[in-house]
C-alpha atoms as a PDB file:
ATOM      1  CA  MET A   1       6.451   9.550  -8.134  1.00  0.00           C
ATOM      2  CA  GLU A   2       6.244   5.798  -8.608  1.00  0.00           C
ATOM      3  CA  ILE A   3       9.821   5.234  -7.442  1.00  0.00           C
ATOM      4  CA  THR A   4       9.397   7.577  -4.486  1.00  0.00           C
ATOM      5  CA  THR A   5       6.205   5.865  -3.329  1.00  0.00           C
ATOM      6  CA  THR A   6       7.633   2.372  -3.679  1.00  0.00           C
ATOM      7  CA  TYR A   7      10.820   3.337  -1.829  1.00  0.00           C
ATOM      8  CA  ALA A   8       8.775   4.899   0.979  1.00  0.00           C
ATOM      9  CA  ILE A   9       6.658   1.750   1.309  1.00  0.00           C
ATOM     10  CA  GLU A  10       9.753  -0.462   1.371  1.00  0.00           C
ATOM     11  CA  THR A  11      11.362   1.765   4.006  1.00  0.00           C
ATOM     12  CA  LEU A  12       8.267   1.591   6.224  1.00  0.00           C
ATOM     13  CA  GLY A  13       8.125  -2.172   5.745  1.00  0.00           C
ATOM     14  CA  THR A  14      11.755  -2.512   6.744  1.00  0.00           C
ATOM     15  CA  VAL A  15      11.124  -0.541   9.931  1.00  0.00           C
ATOM     16  CA  ALA A  16       7.982  -2.523  10.764  1.00  0.00           C
ATOM     17  CA  PHE A  17       9.677  -5.896  10.316  1.00  0.00           C
ATOM     18  CA  ALA A  18      12.798  -4.750  12.167  1.00  0.00           C
ATOM     19  CA  ILE A  19      10.604  -3.871  15.136  1.00  0.00           C
ATOM     20  CA  SER A  20       8.653  -7.133  14.975  1.00  0.00           C
ATOM     21  CA  GLY A  21      11.876  -9.127  14.692  1.00  0.00           C
ATOM     22  CA  SER A  22      13.409  -7.268  17.624  1.00  0.00           C
ATOM     23  CA  PHE A  23      10.394  -7.906  19.819  1.00  0.00           C
ATOM     24  CA  ALA A  24      10.286 -11.578  18.852  1.00  0.00           C
ATOM     25  CA  ALA A  25      13.950 -11.906  19.821  1.00  0.00           C
ATOM     26  CA  MET A  26      13.471 -10.034  23.099  1.00  0.00           C
ATOM     27  CA  GLN A  27      10.574 -12.326  23.990  1.00  0.00           C
ATOM     28  CA  ARG A  28      13.087 -15.161  23.774  1.00  0.00           C
ATOM     29  CA  ARG A  29      15.513 -13.140  25.941  1.00  0.00           C
ATOM     30  CA  LEU A  30      18.297 -12.975  23.354  1.00  0.00           C
ATOM     31  CA  ASP A  31      21.260 -10.671  23.874  1.00  0.00           C
ATOM     32  CA  PRO A  32      21.520  -7.416  21.844  1.00  0.00           C
ATOM     33  CA  PHE A  33      23.525  -9.105  19.086  1.00  0.00           C
ATOM     34  CA  GLY A  34      20.905 -11.843  18.811  1.00  0.00           C
ATOM     35  CA  VAL A  35      18.147  -9.229  18.665  1.00  0.00           C
ATOM     36  CA  LEU A  36      19.989  -7.450  15.854  1.00  0.00           C
ATOM     37  CA  ILE A  37      20.451 -10.650  13.840  1.00  0.00           C
ATOM     38  CA  ILE A  38      16.765 -11.586  14.144  1.00  0.00           C
ATOM     39  CA  ALA A  39      15.742  -8.047  13.176  1.00  0.00           C
ATOM     40  CA  PHE A  40      17.940  -8.258  10.074  1.00  0.00           C
ATOM     41  CA  VAL A  41      16.668 -11.619   8.857  1.00  0.00           C
ATOM     42  CA  THR A  42      13.060 -10.589   9.467  1.00  0.00           C
ATOM     43  CA  SER A  43      13.501  -7.399   7.464  1.00  0.00           C
ATOM     44  CA  ILE A  44      15.594  -8.659   4.561  1.00  0.00           C
ATOM     45  CA  GLY A  45      14.691 -12.344   4.378  1.00  0.00           C
ATOM     46  CA  GLY A  46      11.692 -12.101   2.076  1.00  0.00           C
ATOM     47  CA  GLY A  47      13.261  -9.523  -0.217  1.00  0.00           C
ATOM     48  CA  THR A  48      16.453 -11.556  -0.479  1.00  0.00           C
ATOM     49  CA  VAL A  49      14.599 -14.710  -1.545  1.00  0.00           C
ATOM     50  CA  ARG A  50      12.538 -12.668  -4.026  1.00  0.00           C
ATOM     51  CA  ASP A  51      15.591 -11.017  -5.612  1.00  0.00           C
ATOM     52  CA  LEU A  52      17.436 -14.337  -5.885  1.00  0.00           C
ATOM     53  CA  LEU A  53      14.441 -15.879  -7.665  1.00  0.00           C
ATOM     54  CA  LEU A  54      14.371 -12.932 -10.057  1.00  0.00           C
ATOM     55  CA  GLY A  55      18.131 -13.023 -10.600  1.00  0.00           C
ATOM     56  CA  ASP A  56      18.266  -9.421  -9.426  1.00  0.00           C
ATOM     57  CA  THR A  57      21.661  -9.521  -7.756  1.00  0.00           C
ATOM     58  CA  PRO A  58      23.351  -8.214  -5.725  1.00  0.00           C
ATOM     59  CA  VAL A  59      20.138  -8.203  -3.685  1.00  0.00           C
ATOM     60  CA  ALA A  60      18.542  -4.907  -2.662  1.00  0.00           C
ATOM     61  CA  TRP A  61      20.074  -4.521   0.801  1.00  0.00           C
ATOM     62  CA  MET A  62      23.569  -5.080  -0.597  1.00  0.00           C
ATOM     63  CA  ARG A  63      23.115  -2.321  -3.166  1.00  0.00           C
ATOM     64  CA  ASP A  64      21.706   0.189  -0.700  1.00  0.00           C
ATOM     65  CA  VAL A  65      23.466   0.316   2.675  1.00  0.00           C
ATOM     66  CA  ASN A  66      20.699   2.585   3.989  1.00  0.00           C
ATOM     67  CA  TYR A  67      18.546  -0.490   4.588  1.00  0.00           C
ATOM     68  CA  CYS A  68      21.180  -1.984   6.888  1.00  0.00           C
ATOM     69  CA  LEU A  69      21.594   1.294   8.756  1.00  0.00           C
ATOM     70  CA  LEU A  70      17.819   1.622   9.085  1.00  0.00           C
ATOM     71  CA  ILE A  71      17.505  -1.861  10.570  1.00  0.00           C
ATOM     72  CA  LEU A  72      20.405  -1.197  12.959  1.00  0.00           C
ATOM     73  CA  VAL A  73      18.971   2.089  14.229  1.00  0.00           C
ATOM     74  CA  THR A  74      15.432   0.674  14.497  1.00  0.00           C
ATOM     75  CA  SER A  75      16.647  -2.339  16.465  1.00  0.00           C
ATOM     76  CA  LEU A  76      18.676  -0.247  18.884  1.00  0.00           C
ATOM     77  CA  LEU A  77      15.753   2.105  19.473  1.00  0.00           C
ATOM     78  CA  THR A  78      13.432  -0.855  20.039  1.00  0.00           C
ATOM     79  CA  ILE A  79      15.811  -2.300  22.617  1.00  0.00           C
ATOM     80  CA  PHE A  80      16.136   1.095  24.303  1.00  0.00           C
ATOM     81  CA  PHE A  81      12.382   1.648  24.559  1.00  0.00           C
ATOM     82  CA  LYS A  82      11.476  -1.927  25.501  1.00  0.00           C
ATOM     83  CA  THR A  83      11.010  -0.964  29.162  1.00  0.00           C
ATOM     84  CA  HIS A  84       8.236   1.445  28.140  1.00  0.00           C
ATOM     85  CA  ILE A  85       6.309  -1.201  26.206  1.00  0.00           C
ATOM     86  CA  LYS A  86       4.606  -3.771  28.405  1.00  0.00           C
ATOM     87  CA  LYS A  87       2.567  -5.754  25.893  1.00  0.00           C
ATOM     88  CA  PHE A  88       5.274  -7.339  23.767  1.00  0.00           C
ATOM     89  CA  LYS A  89       2.933  -9.822  22.099  1.00  0.00           C
ATOM     90  CA  ILE A  90       0.478  -7.171  20.891  1.00  0.00           C
ATOM     91  CA  THR A  91       3.265  -4.892  19.673  1.00  0.00           C
ATOM     92  CA  LEU A  92       4.926  -7.760  17.802  1.00  0.00           C
ATOM     93  CA  PHE A  93       1.616  -8.703  16.179  1.00  0.00           C
ATOM     94  CA  LEU A  94       0.758  -5.176  15.048  1.00  0.00           C
ATOM     95  CA  PHE A  95       4.147  -4.438  13.487  1.00  0.00           C
ATOM     96  CA  ASP A  96       4.308  -7.879  11.913  1.00  0.00           C
ATOM     97  CA  SER A  97       0.896  -7.310  10.325  1.00  0.00           C
ATOM     98  CA  LEU A  98       1.911  -3.866   9.081  1.00  0.00           C
ATOM     99  CA  GLY A  99       5.161  -5.207   7.632  1.00  0.00           C
ATOM    100  CA  LEU A 100       3.237  -8.011   5.958  1.00  0.00           C
ATOM    101  CA  GLY A 101       1.020  -5.545   4.115  1.00  0.00           C
ATOM    102  CA  LEU A 102       3.852  -3.234   3.137  1.00  0.00           C
ATOM    103  CA  PHE A 103       6.235  -5.913   1.903  1.00  0.00           C
ATOM    104  CA  THR A 104       3.531  -7.822   0.034  1.00  0.00           C
ATOM    105  CA  LEU A 105       2.940  -4.724  -2.052  1.00  0.00           C
ATOM    106  CA  VAL A 106       6.683  -4.229  -2.589  1.00  0.00           C
ATOM    107  CA  GLY A 107       6.958  -7.769  -3.936  1.00  0.00           C
ATOM    108  CA  VAL A 108       3.993  -7.305  -6.253  1.00  0.00           C
ATOM    109  CA  GLN A 109       5.507  -4.076  -7.586  1.00  0.00           C
ATOM    110  CA  LYS A 110       8.870  -5.771  -8.180  1.00  0.00           C
ATOM    111  CA  GLY A 111       7.171  -8.433 -10.271  1.00  0.00           C
ATOM    112  CA  ILE A 112       5.393  -5.758 -12.301  1.00  0.00           C
ATOM    113  CA  VAL A 113       8.698  -3.976 -12.965  1.00  0.00           C
ATOM    114  CA  PHE A 114      10.088  -7.262 -14.317  1.00  0.00           C
ATOM    115  CA  GLY A 115       7.084  -7.636 -16.612  1.00  0.00           C
ATOM    116  CA  LEU A 116       5.781 -10.818 -14.990  1.00  0.00           C
ATOM    117  CA  SER A 117       2.201 -12.087 -15.036  1.00  0.00           C
ATOM    118  CA  PRO A 118      -0.213 -11.052 -12.245  1.00  0.00           C
ATOM    119  CA  GLY A 119      -0.161 -14.547 -10.731  1.00  0.00           C
ATOM    120  CA  ILE A 120       3.638 -14.559 -10.424  1.00  0.00           C
ATOM    121  CA  CYS A 121       3.557 -11.008  -9.053  1.00  0.00           C
ATOM    122  CA  VAL A 122       1.156 -12.126  -6.321  1.00  0.00           C
ATOM    123  CA  ALA A 123       3.457 -15.071  -5.548  1.00  0.00           C
ATOM    124  CA  LEU A 124       6.437 -12.707  -5.283  1.00  0.00           C
ATOM    125  CA  GLY A 125       4.427 -10.455  -2.992  1.00  0.00           C
ATOM    126  CA  THR A 126       3.613 -13.413  -0.761  1.00  0.00           C
ATOM    127  CA  ILE A 127       7.266 -14.499  -0.675  1.00  0.00           C
ATOM    128  CA  THR A 128       8.430 -10.961   0.149  1.00  0.00           C
ATOM    129  CA  GLY A 129       5.874 -10.632   2.925  1.00  0.00           C
ATOM    130  CA  CYS A 130       6.237 -14.065   4.504  1.00  0.00           C
ATOM    131  CA  PHE A 131       9.761 -15.416   4.177  1.00  0.00           C
ATOM    132  CA  GLY A 132      11.390 -13.017   6.627  1.00  0.00           C
ATOM    133  CA  GLY A 133       8.956 -14.216   9.290  1.00  0.00           C
ATOM    134  CA  ILE A 134       9.597 -17.848   8.358  1.00  0.00           C
ATOM    135  CA  ILE A 135      13.348 -17.428   8.831  1.00  0.00           C
ATOM    136  CA  ARG A 136      12.789 -15.473  12.075  1.00  0.00           C
ATOM    137  CA  ASP A 137      10.519 -18.107  13.601  1.00  0.00           C
ATOM    138  CA  THR A 138      12.766 -20.964  12.468  1.00  0.00           C
ATOM    139  CA  LEU A 139      15.813 -19.385  14.123  1.00  0.00           C
ATOM    140  CA  LEU A 140      13.770 -18.842  17.286  1.00  0.00           C
ATOM    141  CA  ASN A 141      12.694 -22.503  17.259  1.00  0.00           C
ATOM    142  CA  THR A 142       9.041 -21.631  16.688  1.00  0.00           C
ATOM    143  CA  ILE A 143       6.665 -23.099  14.108  1.00  0.00           C
ATOM    144  CA  PRO A 144       6.339 -20.265  11.541  1.00  0.00           C
ATOM    145  CA  LEU A 145       2.976 -18.498  11.464  1.00  0.00           C
ATOM    146  CA  ILE A 146       2.525 -19.374   7.807  1.00  0.00           C
ATOM    147  CA  PHE A 147       2.421 -23.092   8.750  1.00  0.00           C
ATOM    148  CA  ARG A 148      -0.011 -22.647  11.622  1.00  0.00           C
ATOM    149  CA  LYS A 149      -3.753 -22.056  11.649  1.00  0.00           C
ATOM    150  CA  GLU A 150      -3.528 -18.273  11.328  1.00  0.00           C
ATOM    151  CA  ILE A 151      -4.461 -16.756   7.969  1.00  0.00           C
ATOM    152  CA  TYR A 152      -1.067 -15.315   7.023  1.00  0.00           C
ATOM    153  CA  ALA A 153       0.025 -16.117   3.485  1.00  0.00           C
ATOM    154  CA  THR A 154      -3.638 -16.057   2.461  1.00  0.00           C
ATOM    155  CA  ALA A 155      -3.802 -12.398   3.472  1.00  0.00           C
ATOM    156  CA  CYS A 156      -0.875 -11.658   1.131  1.00  0.00           C
ATOM    157  CA  ILE A 157      -2.482 -13.543  -1.740  1.00  0.00           C
ATOM    158  CA  LEU A 158      -5.830 -11.801  -1.290  1.00  0.00           C
ATOM    159  CA  GLY A 159      -4.081  -8.436  -1.016  1.00  0.00           C
ATOM    160  CA  GLY A 160      -2.158  -9.038  -4.233  1.00  0.00           C
ATOM    161  CA  ILE A 161      -5.316 -10.043  -6.078  1.00  0.00           C
ATOM    162  CA  LEU A 162      -7.093  -6.977  -4.725  1.00  0.00           C
ATOM    163  CA  TYR A 163      -4.319  -4.728  -6.050  1.00  0.00           C
ATOM    164  CA  PHE A 164      -4.665  -6.012  -9.589  1.00  0.00           C
ATOM    165  CA  ALA A 165      -8.455  -5.781  -9.366  1.00  0.00           C
ATOM    166  CA  LEU A 166      -8.264  -2.138  -8.289  1.00  0.00           C
ATOM    167  CA  VAL A 167      -5.780  -1.283 -11.046  1.00  0.00           C
ATOM    168  CA  TYR A 168      -7.973  -3.120 -13.583  1.00  0.00           C
ATOM    169  CA  PHE A 169     -10.842  -0.810 -12.683  1.00  0.00           C
ATOM    170  CA  ASN A 170      -8.537   2.187 -13.250  1.00  0.00           C
ATOM    171  CA  LEU A 171      -8.131   3.229  -9.627  1.00  0.00           C
ATOM    172  CA  GLU A 172      -5.147   5.558  -9.179  1.00  0.00           C
ATOM    173  CA  ALA A 173      -2.069   3.445  -8.360  1.00  0.00           C
ATOM    174  CA  ASP A 174      -1.080   5.191  -5.112  1.00  0.00           C
ATOM    175  CA  VAL A 175      -4.641   4.961  -3.787  1.00  0.00           C
ATOM    176  CA  ALA A 176      -4.713   1.264  -4.668  1.00  0.00           C
ATOM    177  CA  LYS A 177      -1.481   0.743  -2.713  1.00  0.00           C
ATOM    178  CA  VAL A 178      -2.894   2.357   0.422  1.00  0.00           C
ATOM    179  CA  ILE A 179      -6.073   0.287   0.154  1.00  0.00           C
ATOM    180  CA  VAL A 180      -4.142  -2.971  -0.247  1.00  0.00           C
ATOM    181  CA  ILE A 181      -1.820  -2.285   2.701  1.00  0.00           C
ATOM    182  CA  SER A 182      -4.804  -1.351   4.863  1.00  0.00           C
ATOM    183  CA  PHE A 183      -6.697  -4.438   3.708  1.00  0.00           C
ATOM    184  CA  ILE A 184      -3.920  -6.881   4.651  1.00  0.00           C
ATOM    185  CA  PHE A 185      -3.290  -5.156   7.986  1.00  0.00           C
ATOM    186  CA  THR A 186      -6.999  -5.076   8.879  1.00  0.00           C
ATOM    187  CA  LEU A 187      -7.585  -8.650   7.730  1.00  0.00           C
ATOM    188  CA  ARG A 188      -4.826  -9.920  10.013  1.00  0.00           C
ATOM    189  CA  ILE A 189      -6.329  -8.084  12.982  1.00  0.00           C
ATOM    190  CA  VAL A 190      -9.847  -9.350  12.275  1.00  0.00           C
ATOM    191  CA  VAL A 191      -8.613 -12.915  11.765  1.00  0.00           C
ATOM    192  CA  VAL A 192      -6.775 -12.999  15.085  1.00  0.00           C
ATOM    193  CA  LYS A 193      -9.487 -11.140  17.016  1.00  0.00           C
ATOM    194  CA  TYR A 194     -12.224 -13.519  15.912  1.00  0.00           C
ATOM    195  CA  ASN A 195      -9.986 -16.599  15.823  1.00  0.00           C
ATOM    196  CA  LEU A 196     -10.659 -17.290  12.151  1.00  0.00           C
ATOM    197  CA  ALA A 197      -8.573 -19.949  10.436  1.00  0.00           C
ATOM    198  CA  LEU A 198      -8.317 -22.169   7.408  1.00  0.00           C
ATOM    199  CA  PRO A 199      -9.223 -25.820   8.029  1.00  0.00           C
ATOM    200  CA  LYS A 200      -6.412 -28.033   9.301  1.00  0.00           C
ATOM    201  CA  PHE A 201      -5.526 -31.409   7.842  1.00  0.00           C
ATOM    202  CA  GLY A 202      -3.796 -34.268   9.578  1.00  0.00           C
ATOM    203  CA  TYR A 203      -4.237 -36.978  12.159  1.00  0.00           C
END
């Protein structure tokens, strides 16, 4: 059950980030190949960095070609249906937030499988959730969200801490996963809606 649940969450996260990457690329008016590349790096970027840090190679998407096929199909469908979706920015934000929650949990779970401490597991969750977006925004010549005023990485960190707190109090693991994903997704929406942000430093 554990493997099935984790695989399902990772699959949903891959789809969510493939959609957000595709929309980000289409906002910049890239050609279909460019859209596909951005969708790929958004979906696999965080997981690739995580697996390299863990020494778990070949990385996940190289061992399971289904991830690549899933990203390809999702990207093509997103391009096909783009004419039916008028609010690109809102769609990008919602799928990016959903992917953030899903992939944060995947990273936390991967750390647990490797027997790492809760703090390192939370860090891996944050890397898995954020690094695909960092690579996407860098390629699109945009300052990554994680470096701007929006609460982005903080949502991953809080979600990871929440997961361990729920498990500590003996909440059933699958229920804890749903709560954490919902928490990160909702937090991102609330933060953006009410323009909440961490303090900025600089001149």
